Amino acid sequence: MEGWRKKVVVRARRAWAAVSGRIRVQNQGSGGLLKLHEDVQTCDYKDVQVMFEMLTSELEASHARKQQQLLSPSPRTLPTPAWPGSSPPEKQ
């Protein structure tokens, strides 16, 4: 009975370590830009703050362009509908 319990505990610990490691990595990665923003705001150099604003505005514009492209497909990708009777009449 003791051997079975050890196997279960070891597997449960491995599973917990895998899940908690993934959650921790996701949470740590999300605050990097916010931390950088705080550091830039505390900096006394105005040019550093201006450069950071330029960078963030460019990133936001790029993100907006990508979203726009995903939401509205270009007319070239849409097929032309073929309705019956829509072809020009033939000359006799």
C-alpha atoms as a PDB file:
ATOM      1  CA  MET A   1       0.000   0.000   0.000  1.00  0.00           C
ATOM      2  CA  GLU A   2       2.877   2.361   0.786  1.00  0.00           C
ATOM      3  CA  GLY A   3       4.415   1.944  -2.705  1.00  0.00           C
ATOM      4  CA  TRP A   4       1.152   2.907  -4.375  1.00  0.00           C
ATOM      5  CA  ARG A   5       0.905   6.059  -2.248  1.00  0.00           C
ATOM      6  CA  LYS A   6       4.468   7.095  -3.180  1.00  0.00           C
ATOM      7  CA  LYS A   7       3.677   6.720  -6.888  1.00  0.00           C
ATOM      8  CA  VAL A   8       0.570   8.870  -6.603  1.00  0.00           C
ATOM      9  CA  VAL A   9       2.310  11.577  -4.580  1.00  0.00           C
ATOM     10  CA  VAL A  10       5.281  11.740  -6.962  1.00  0.00           C
ATOM     11  CA  ARG A  11       3.023  12.052 -10.016  1.00  0.00           C
ATOM     12  CA  ALA A  12       0.842  14.666  -8.345  1.00  0.00           C
ATOM     13  CA  ARG A  13       3.915  16.738  -7.434  1.00  0.00           C
ATOM     14  CA  ARG A  14       5.200  16.561 -11.009  1.00  0.00           C
ATOM     15  CA  ALA A  15       1.846  17.655 -12.387  1.00  0.00           C
ATOM     16  CA  TRP A  16       1.610  20.515  -9.886  1.00  0.00           C
ATOM     17  CA  ALA A  17       5.125  21.683 -10.711  1.00  0.00           C
ATOM     18  CA  ALA A  18       4.354  21.694 -14.441  1.00  0.00           C
ATOM     19  CA  VAL A  19       1.106  23.632 -14.056  1.00  0.00           C
ATOM     20  CA  SER A  20       2.444  26.148 -11.549  1.00  0.00           C
ATOM     21  CA  GLY A  21       5.522  26.763 -13.706  1.00  0.00           C
ATOM     22  CA  ARG A  22       3.392  27.652 -16.724  1.00  0.00           C
ATOM     23  CA  ILE A  23       1.182  29.971 -14.723  1.00  0.00           C
ATOM     24  CA  ARG A  24       4.164  31.722 -13.157  1.00  0.00           C
ATOM     25  CA  VAL A  25       5.816  32.317 -16.554  1.00  0.00           C
ATOM     26  CA  GLN A  26       2.644  33.857 -17.984  1.00  0.00           C
ATOM     27  CA  ASN A  27       2.199  36.179 -15.026  1.00  0.00           C
ATOM     28  CA  GLN A  28       5.814  37.355 -14.993  1.00  0.00           C
ATOM     29  CA  GLY A  29       5.892  38.177 -18.708  1.00  0.00           C
ATOM     30  CA  SER A  30       2.864  40.446 -18.653  1.00  0.00           C
ATOM     31  CA  GLY A  31       4.365  43.226 -16.512  1.00  0.00           C
ATOM     32  CA  GLY A  32       7.579  43.906 -18.426  1.00  0.00           C
ATOM     33  CA  LEU A  33       6.315  46.825 -20.497  1.00  0.00           C
ATOM     34  CA  LEU A  34       4.537  48.320 -17.504  1.00  0.00           C
ATOM     35  CA  LYS A  35       7.731  48.165 -15.441  1.00  0.00           C
ATOM     36  CA  LEU A  36       9.651  49.803 -18.288  1.00  0.00           C
ATOM     37  CA  HIS A  37       7.027  52.546 -18.502  1.00  0.00           C
ATOM     38  CA  GLU A  38       7.400  53.264 -14.787  1.00  0.00           C
ATOM     39  CA  ASP A  39      11.189  53.393 -15.121  1.00  0.00           C
ATOM     40  CA  VAL A  40      10.992  55.787 -18.066  1.00  0.00           C
ATOM     41  CA  GLN A  41       8.563  58.084 -16.247  1.00  0.00           C
ATOM     42  CA  THR A  42      10.922  58.366 -13.286  1.00  0.00           C
ATOM     43  CA  CYS A  43      13.827  59.238 -15.586  1.00  0.00           C
ATOM     44  CA  ASP A  44      14.720  62.944 -15.612  1.00  0.00           C
ATOM     45  CA  TYR A  45      15.784  62.985 -19.260  1.00  0.00           C
ATOM     46  CA  LYS A  46      12.990  64.324 -21.466  1.00  0.00           C
ATOM     47  CA  ASP A  47      14.396  62.728 -24.633  1.00  0.00           C
ATOM     48  CA  VAL A  48      14.079  59.247 -23.083  1.00  0.00           C
ATOM     49  CA  GLN A  49      10.427  59.903 -22.290  1.00  0.00           C
ATOM     50  CA  VAL A  50       9.798  61.198 -25.813  1.00  0.00           C
ATOM     51  CA  MET A  51      11.463  58.144 -27.357  1.00  0.00           C
ATOM     52  CA  PHE A  52       9.332  55.844 -25.206  1.00  0.00           C
ATOM     53  CA  GLU A  53       6.166  57.660 -26.298  1.00  0.00           C
ATOM     54  CA  MET A  54       7.224  57.306 -29.944  1.00  0.00           C
ATOM     55  CA  LEU A  55       7.833  53.606 -29.447  1.00  0.00           C
ATOM     56  CA  THR A  56       4.494  52.946 -27.774  1.00  0.00           C
ATOM     57  CA  SER A  57       2.558  54.976 -30.344  1.00  0.00           C
ATOM     58  CA  GLU A  58       4.232  53.039 -33.164  1.00  0.00           C
ATOM     59  CA  LEU A  59       3.408  49.733 -31.475  1.00  0.00           C
ATOM     60  CA  GLU A  60      -0.218  50.785 -31.001  1.00  0.00           C
ATOM     61  CA  ALA A  61      -0.490  51.891 -34.634  1.00  0.00           C
ATOM     62  CA  SER A  62       1.018  48.620 -35.829  1.00  0.00           C
ATOM     63  CA  HIS A  63      -1.395  46.644 -33.664  1.00  0.00           C
ATOM     64  CA  ALA A  64      -4.349  48.662 -34.992  1.00  0.00           C
ATOM     65  CA  ARG A  65      -3.273  48.024 -38.612  1.00  0.00           C
ATOM     66  CA  LYS A  66      -3.010  44.290 -37.972  1.00  0.00           C
ATOM     67  CA  GLN A  67      -6.448  44.213 -36.347  1.00  0.00           C
ATOM     68  CA  GLN A  68      -7.918  46.166 -39.263  1.00  0.00           C
ATOM     69  CA  GLN A  69      -6.407  43.738 -41.767  1.00  0.00           C
ATOM     70  CA  LEU A  70      -7.801  40.769 -39.856  1.00  0.00           C
ATOM     71  CA  LEU A  71     -11.288  42.247 -39.587  1.00  0.00           C
ATOM     72  CA  SER A  72     -11.692  43.519 -43.155  1.00  0.00           C
ATOM     73  CA  PRO A  73     -10.358  41.263 -45.906  1.00  0.00           C
ATOM     74  CA  SER A  74      -9.083  42.940 -49.038  1.00  0.00           C
ATOM     75  CA  PRO A  75     -11.372  42.921 -52.095  1.00  0.00           C
ATOM     76  CA  ARG A  76      -8.860  40.801 -54.004  1.00  0.00           C
ATOM     77  CA  THR A  77      -9.398  37.845 -51.702  1.00  0.00           C
ATOM     78  CA  LEU A  78     -13.167  37.756 -52.085  1.00  0.00           C
ATOM     79  CA  PRO A  79     -14.507  35.684 -54.990  1.00  0.00           C
ATOM     80  CA  THR A  80     -16.709  37.398 -57.561  1.00  0.00           C
ATOM     81  CA  PRO A  81     -20.266  36.086 -57.246  1.00  0.00           C
ATOM     82  CA  ALA A  82     -21.631  34.370 -60.342  1.00  0.00           C
ATOM     83  CA  TRP A  83     -25.362  34.995 -60.460  1.00  0.00           C
ATOM     84  CA  PRO A  84     -27.501  33.351 -63.113  1.00  0.00           C
ATOM     85  CA  GLY A  85     -28.380  35.827 -65.820  1.00  0.00           C
ATOM     86  CA  SER A  86     -25.730  38.309 -64.742  1.00  0.00           C
ATOM     87  CA  SER A  87     -23.554  37.790 -67.802  1.00  0.00           C
ATOM     88  CA  PRO A  88     -23.875  40.378 -70.567  1.00  0.00           C
ATOM     89  CA  PRO A  89     -26.426  39.457 -73.236  1.00  0.00           C
ATOM     90  CA  GLU A  90     -25.008  37.848 -76.341  1.00  0.00           C
ATOM     91  CA  LYS A  91     -25.255  39.739 -79.638  1.00  0.00           C
ATOM     92  CA  GLN A  92     -27.356  38.076 -82.309  1.00  0.00           C
END
